[in-house]
Structure formats: structure tokens, C-alpha cells
Amino acid sequence: MLVKEPFPIAKIRVPVKRVKTLDPAKVQQIAESILEEGQTTPIRVRKSRDGYVLIEGLHRLEALKALGEETVEGYLVRAALH
């Protein structure tokens, strides 16, 4: 079961492929929603050597950065080893 926890935004790396999909208008819309309601949907990250790698929630993460937040609520996903 996934447990929601806070993650330091500075320790989350966004893969280059994901950055290319960033829509500034969507970030602005989500930032406004976060100001009114707070962060309602957690992001998903996985552990890396020096922090975390974003799996899901690029626009939420960028919206929180734009608002000057230092942490983001999210789930730590543990990848299954094959």
C-alpha cells in the first residue's frame, strides 16, 4: 500500500523526456487550484542514488515550485526487480 509523504522538491529530478511535455498554461491553472484547495493529488517518485526521480505529476511539481513551496506530497513507488 502506498503511503502519502512529503518530499523535498529540490531532491526530485525530472527526466529530460518529461520536461519536453511541460505546458506552462497547465502549470498556471494547477498553481491557482493549489492556492485555493491545496495539493489534492500526490505525485509519484522513485528512489535514486541522490534523491528521487519523478514518475508522475510534472505539472503539479512545477506548480508547487512556482508557488515557492519546498516540499510536495507524494507516493514513493518501489520498482519491482525482474
N, C-alpha and C. Protein backbone atom coordinates (compact mmCIF):
# COMPACT_ATOMS: atom_id res chain seq x y z
N MET A 1 0.83 -1.19 0.00
CA MET A 1 0.00 0.00 0.00
C MET A 1 0.87 1.25 0.00
N LEU A 2 0.51 2.20 -0.83
CA LEU A 2 1.27 3.44 -0.90
C LEU A 2 0.85 4.37 0.22
N VAL A 3 1.84 5.01 0.82
CA VAL A 3 1.59 5.95 1.91
C VAL A 3 2.04 7.34 1.45
N LYS A 4 1.15 8.32 1.58
CA LYS A 4 1.47 9.68 1.19
C LYS A 4 2.47 10.27 2.18
N GLU A 5 3.51 10.91 1.64
CA GLU A 5 4.52 11.54 2.49
C GLU A 5 5.09 12.77 1.79
N PRO A 6 5.70 13.69 2.56
CA PRO A 6 6.30 14.88 1.94
C PRO A 6 7.70 14.56 1.40
N PHE A 7 8.01 15.15 0.25
CA PHE A 7 9.33 15.01 -0.36
C PHE A 7 9.90 16.40 -0.63
N PRO A 8 11.22 16.59 -0.41
CA PRO A 8 11.82 17.89 -0.71
C PRO A 8 11.89 18.09 -2.23
N ILE A 9 11.31 19.17 -2.72
CA ILE A 9 11.27 19.43 -4.15
C ILE A 9 12.68 19.48 -4.74
N ALA A 10 13.62 20.03 -4.01
CA ALA A 10 15.00 20.17 -4.51
C ALA A 10 15.66 18.82 -4.77
N LYS A 11 15.15 17.76 -4.17
CA LYS A 11 15.77 16.43 -4.33
C LYS A 11 15.09 15.59 -5.43
N ILE A 12 14.12 16.18 -6.14
CA ILE A 12 13.39 15.44 -7.18
C ILE A 12 13.93 15.83 -8.55
N ARG A 13 14.39 14.82 -9.29
CA ARG A 13 14.91 15.04 -10.64
C ARG A 13 13.83 14.66 -11.64
N VAL A 14 13.67 15.51 -12.65
CA VAL A 14 12.68 15.26 -13.69
C VAL A 14 13.42 14.78 -14.94
N PRO A 15 13.08 13.59 -15.45
CA PRO A 15 13.74 13.10 -16.67
C PRO A 15 13.53 14.07 -17.84
N VAL A 16 14.56 14.23 -18.67
CA VAL A 16 14.53 15.18 -19.79
C VAL A 16 13.33 14.95 -20.69
N LYS A 17 13.00 13.69 -20.94
CA LYS A 17 11.85 13.35 -21.78
C LYS A 17 10.56 13.96 -21.24
N ARG A 18 10.43 13.97 -19.93
CA ARG A 18 9.22 14.51 -19.29
C ARG A 18 9.17 16.02 -19.38
N VAL A 19 10.31 16.69 -19.25
CA VAL A 19 10.36 18.15 -19.27
C VAL A 19 9.81 18.68 -20.60
N LYS A 20 10.03 17.94 -21.68
CA LYS A 20 9.58 18.38 -23.00
C LYS A 20 8.06 18.43 -23.10
N THR A 21 7.34 17.77 -22.20
CA THR A 21 5.88 17.74 -22.25
C THR A 21 5.25 18.84 -21.39
N LEU A 22 6.07 19.70 -20.81
CA LEU A 22 5.57 20.73 -19.90
C LEU A 22 4.72 21.78 -20.62
N ASP A 23 3.53 22.05 -20.08
CA ASP A 23 2.60 23.04 -20.62
C ASP A 23 2.45 24.16 -19.58
N PRO A 24 3.07 25.34 -19.84
CA PRO A 24 3.03 26.43 -18.86
C PRO A 24 1.61 26.86 -18.47
N ALA A 25 0.68 26.80 -19.40
CA ALA A 25 -0.71 27.19 -19.08
C ALA A 25 -1.31 26.22 -18.06
N LYS A 26 -0.99 24.95 -18.22
CA LYS A 26 -1.50 23.93 -17.28
C LYS A 26 -0.87 24.12 -15.89
N VAL A 27 0.42 24.47 -15.87
CA VAL A 27 1.11 24.74 -14.60
C VAL A 27 0.43 25.89 -13.88
N GLN A 28 0.11 26.96 -14.61
CA GLN A 28 -0.55 28.13 -14.03
C GLN A 28 -1.92 27.75 -13.46
N GLN A 29 -2.67 26.97 -14.21
CA GLN A 29 -4.00 26.54 -13.78
C GLN A 29 -3.91 25.70 -12.50
N ILE A 30 -2.96 24.79 -12.46
CA ILE A 30 -2.80 23.93 -11.28
C ILE A 30 -2.33 24.77 -10.09
N ALA A 31 -1.44 25.73 -10.32
CA ALA A 31 -0.96 26.60 -9.24
C ALA A 31 -2.12 27.36 -8.61
N GLU A 32 -3.03 27.86 -9.44
CA GLU A 32 -4.20 28.57 -8.92
C GLU A 32 -5.09 27.64 -8.11
N SER A 33 -5.25 26.42 -8.58
CA SER A 33 -6.05 25.43 -7.86
C SER A 33 -5.41 25.08 -6.51
N ILE A 34 -4.08 24.95 -6.49
CA ILE A 34 -3.37 24.64 -5.25
C ILE A 34 -3.53 25.78 -4.25
N LEU A 35 -3.52 27.02 -4.73
CA LEU A 35 -3.71 28.16 -3.83
C LEU A 35 -5.09 28.11 -3.18
N GLU A 36 -6.09 27.70 -3.93
CA GLU A 36 -7.46 27.66 -3.41
C GLU A 36 -7.74 26.42 -2.55
N GLU A 37 -7.28 25.26 -3.01
CA GLU A 37 -7.66 23.99 -2.37
C GLU A 37 -6.51 23.23 -1.72
N GLY A 38 -5.28 23.64 -1.98
CA GLY A 38 -4.14 22.85 -1.53
C GLY A 38 -3.84 21.76 -2.54
N GLN A 39 -2.78 21.02 -2.32
CA GLN A 39 -2.43 19.93 -3.23
C GLN A 39 -3.34 18.75 -2.94
N THR A 40 -4.20 18.41 -3.88
CA THR A 40 -5.17 17.34 -3.66
C THR A 40 -4.71 15.99 -4.21
N THR A 41 -3.84 16.01 -5.22
CA THR A 41 -3.38 14.76 -5.82
C THR A 41 -1.88 14.63 -5.62
N PRO A 42 -1.42 13.55 -4.97
CA PRO A 42 0.01 13.37 -4.75
C PRO A 42 0.74 13.02 -6.06
N ILE A 43 2.03 13.34 -6.11
CA ILE A 43 2.86 12.92 -7.23
C ILE A 43 3.39 11.53 -6.92
N ARG A 44 4.10 10.92 -7.88
CA ARG A 44 4.75 9.62 -7.65
C ARG A 44 6.23 9.76 -7.99
N VAL A 45 7.07 9.26 -7.11
CA VAL A 45 8.52 9.29 -7.31
C VAL A 45 9.10 7.92 -6.99
N ARG A 46 10.31 7.69 -7.51
CA ARG A 46 11.06 6.50 -7.11
C ARG A 46 12.40 6.97 -6.57
N LYS A 47 12.99 6.15 -5.72
CA LYS A 47 14.27 6.48 -5.09
C LYS A 47 15.39 6.40 -6.13
N SER A 48 16.33 7.33 -6.06
CA SER A 48 17.55 7.27 -6.86
C SER A 48 18.73 7.40 -5.91
N ARG A 49 19.93 7.35 -6.43
CA ARG A 49 21.12 7.43 -5.57
C ARG A 49 21.17 8.73 -4.75
N ASP A 50 20.82 9.84 -5.41
CA ASP A 50 20.99 11.13 -4.74
C ASP A 50 19.66 11.85 -4.47
N GLY A 51 18.57 11.11 -4.46
CA GLY A 51 17.28 11.73 -4.19
C GLY A 51 16.15 10.90 -4.77
N TYR A 52 15.36 11.53 -5.64
CA TYR A 52 14.18 10.88 -6.21
C TYR A 52 14.06 11.23 -7.69
N VAL A 53 13.39 10.36 -8.43
CA VAL A 53 13.10 10.61 -9.84
C VAL A 53 11.59 10.67 -9.99
N LEU A 54 11.11 11.70 -10.67
CA LEU A 54 9.69 11.87 -10.87
C LEU A 54 9.15 10.80 -11.83
N ILE A 55 8.06 10.18 -11.43
CA ILE A 55 7.38 9.21 -12.29
C ILE A 55 6.10 9.83 -12.84
N GLU A 56 5.36 10.50 -11.98
CA GLU A 56 4.08 11.09 -12.37
C GLU A 56 3.84 12.36 -11.58
N GLY A 57 3.36 13.42 -12.27
CA GLY A 57 3.00 14.66 -11.57
C GLY A 57 3.86 15.85 -11.92
N LEU A 58 4.36 15.91 -13.16
CA LEU A 58 5.24 17.00 -13.57
C LEU A 58 4.59 18.37 -13.38
N HIS A 59 3.36 18.54 -13.84
CA HIS A 59 2.71 19.84 -13.75
C HIS A 59 2.42 20.25 -12.30
N ARG A 60 2.06 19.29 -11.46
CA ARG A 60 1.85 19.59 -10.03
C ARG A 60 3.16 20.02 -9.39
N LEU A 61 4.25 19.31 -9.71
CA LEU A 61 5.56 19.64 -9.16
C LEU A 61 5.98 21.04 -9.59
N GLU A 62 5.82 21.36 -10.87
CA GLU A 62 6.21 22.67 -11.38
C GLU A 62 5.33 23.78 -10.80
N ALA A 63 4.05 23.49 -10.58
CA ALA A 63 3.15 24.47 -9.98
C ALA A 63 3.60 24.79 -8.55
N LEU A 64 3.97 23.77 -7.80
CA LEU A 64 4.43 23.99 -6.42
C LEU A 64 5.75 24.76 -6.41
N LYS A 65 6.63 24.48 -7.36
CA LYS A 65 7.88 25.24 -7.47
C LYS A 65 7.56 26.71 -7.72
N ALA A 66 6.62 26.96 -8.65
CA ALA A 66 6.25 28.34 -8.99
C ALA A 66 5.67 29.08 -7.79
N LEU A 67 5.03 28.34 -6.89
CA LEU A 67 4.45 28.95 -5.69
C LEU A 67 5.47 29.11 -4.56
N GLY A 68 6.69 28.63 -4.80
CA GLY A 68 7.75 28.78 -3.80
C GLY A 68 7.73 27.72 -2.70
N GLU A 69 7.01 26.64 -2.93
CA GLU A 69 6.96 25.57 -1.92
C GLU A 69 8.28 24.80 -1.90
N GLU A 70 8.60 24.22 -0.76
CA GLU A 70 9.84 23.45 -0.63
C GLU A 70 9.59 21.95 -0.59
N THR A 71 8.34 21.55 -0.31
CA THR A 71 8.00 20.13 -0.27
C THR A 71 6.76 19.86 -1.11
N VAL A 72 6.62 18.60 -1.48
CA VAL A 72 5.47 18.15 -2.27
C VAL A 72 4.99 16.83 -1.67
N GLU A 73 3.67 16.66 -1.62
CA GLU A 73 3.11 15.40 -1.13
C GLU A 73 3.19 14.37 -2.26
N GLY A 74 3.60 13.17 -1.92
CA GLY A 74 3.72 12.16 -2.97
C GLY A 74 3.79 10.75 -2.41
N TYR A 75 3.85 9.83 -3.34
CA TYR A 75 4.00 8.40 -3.04
C TYR A 75 5.36 7.95 -3.51
N LEU A 76 6.04 7.18 -2.69
CA LEU A 76 7.30 6.55 -3.07
C LEU A 76 6.96 5.20 -3.67
N VAL A 77 7.25 5.04 -4.96
CA VAL A 77 6.95 3.81 -5.66
C VAL A 77 8.21 2.96 -5.68
N ARG A 78 8.10 1.75 -5.26
CA ARG A 78 9.23 0.83 -5.28
C ARG A 78 9.12 -0.04 -6.52
N ALA A 79 10.08 0.11 -7.43
CA ALA A 79 10.06 -0.66 -8.66
C ALA A 79 10.42 -2.13 -8.36
N ALA A 80 9.68 -3.02 -8.98
CA ALA A 80 9.95 -4.45 -8.81
C ALA A 80 11.15 -4.84 -9.65
N LEU A 81 12.05 -5.60 -9.07
CA LEU A 81 13.22 -6.06 -9.81
C LEU A 81 12.87 -7.36 -10.52
N HIS A 82 13.24 -7.45 -11.78
CA HIS A 82 12.92 -8.65 -12.57
C HIS A 82 14.10 -9.57 -12.65
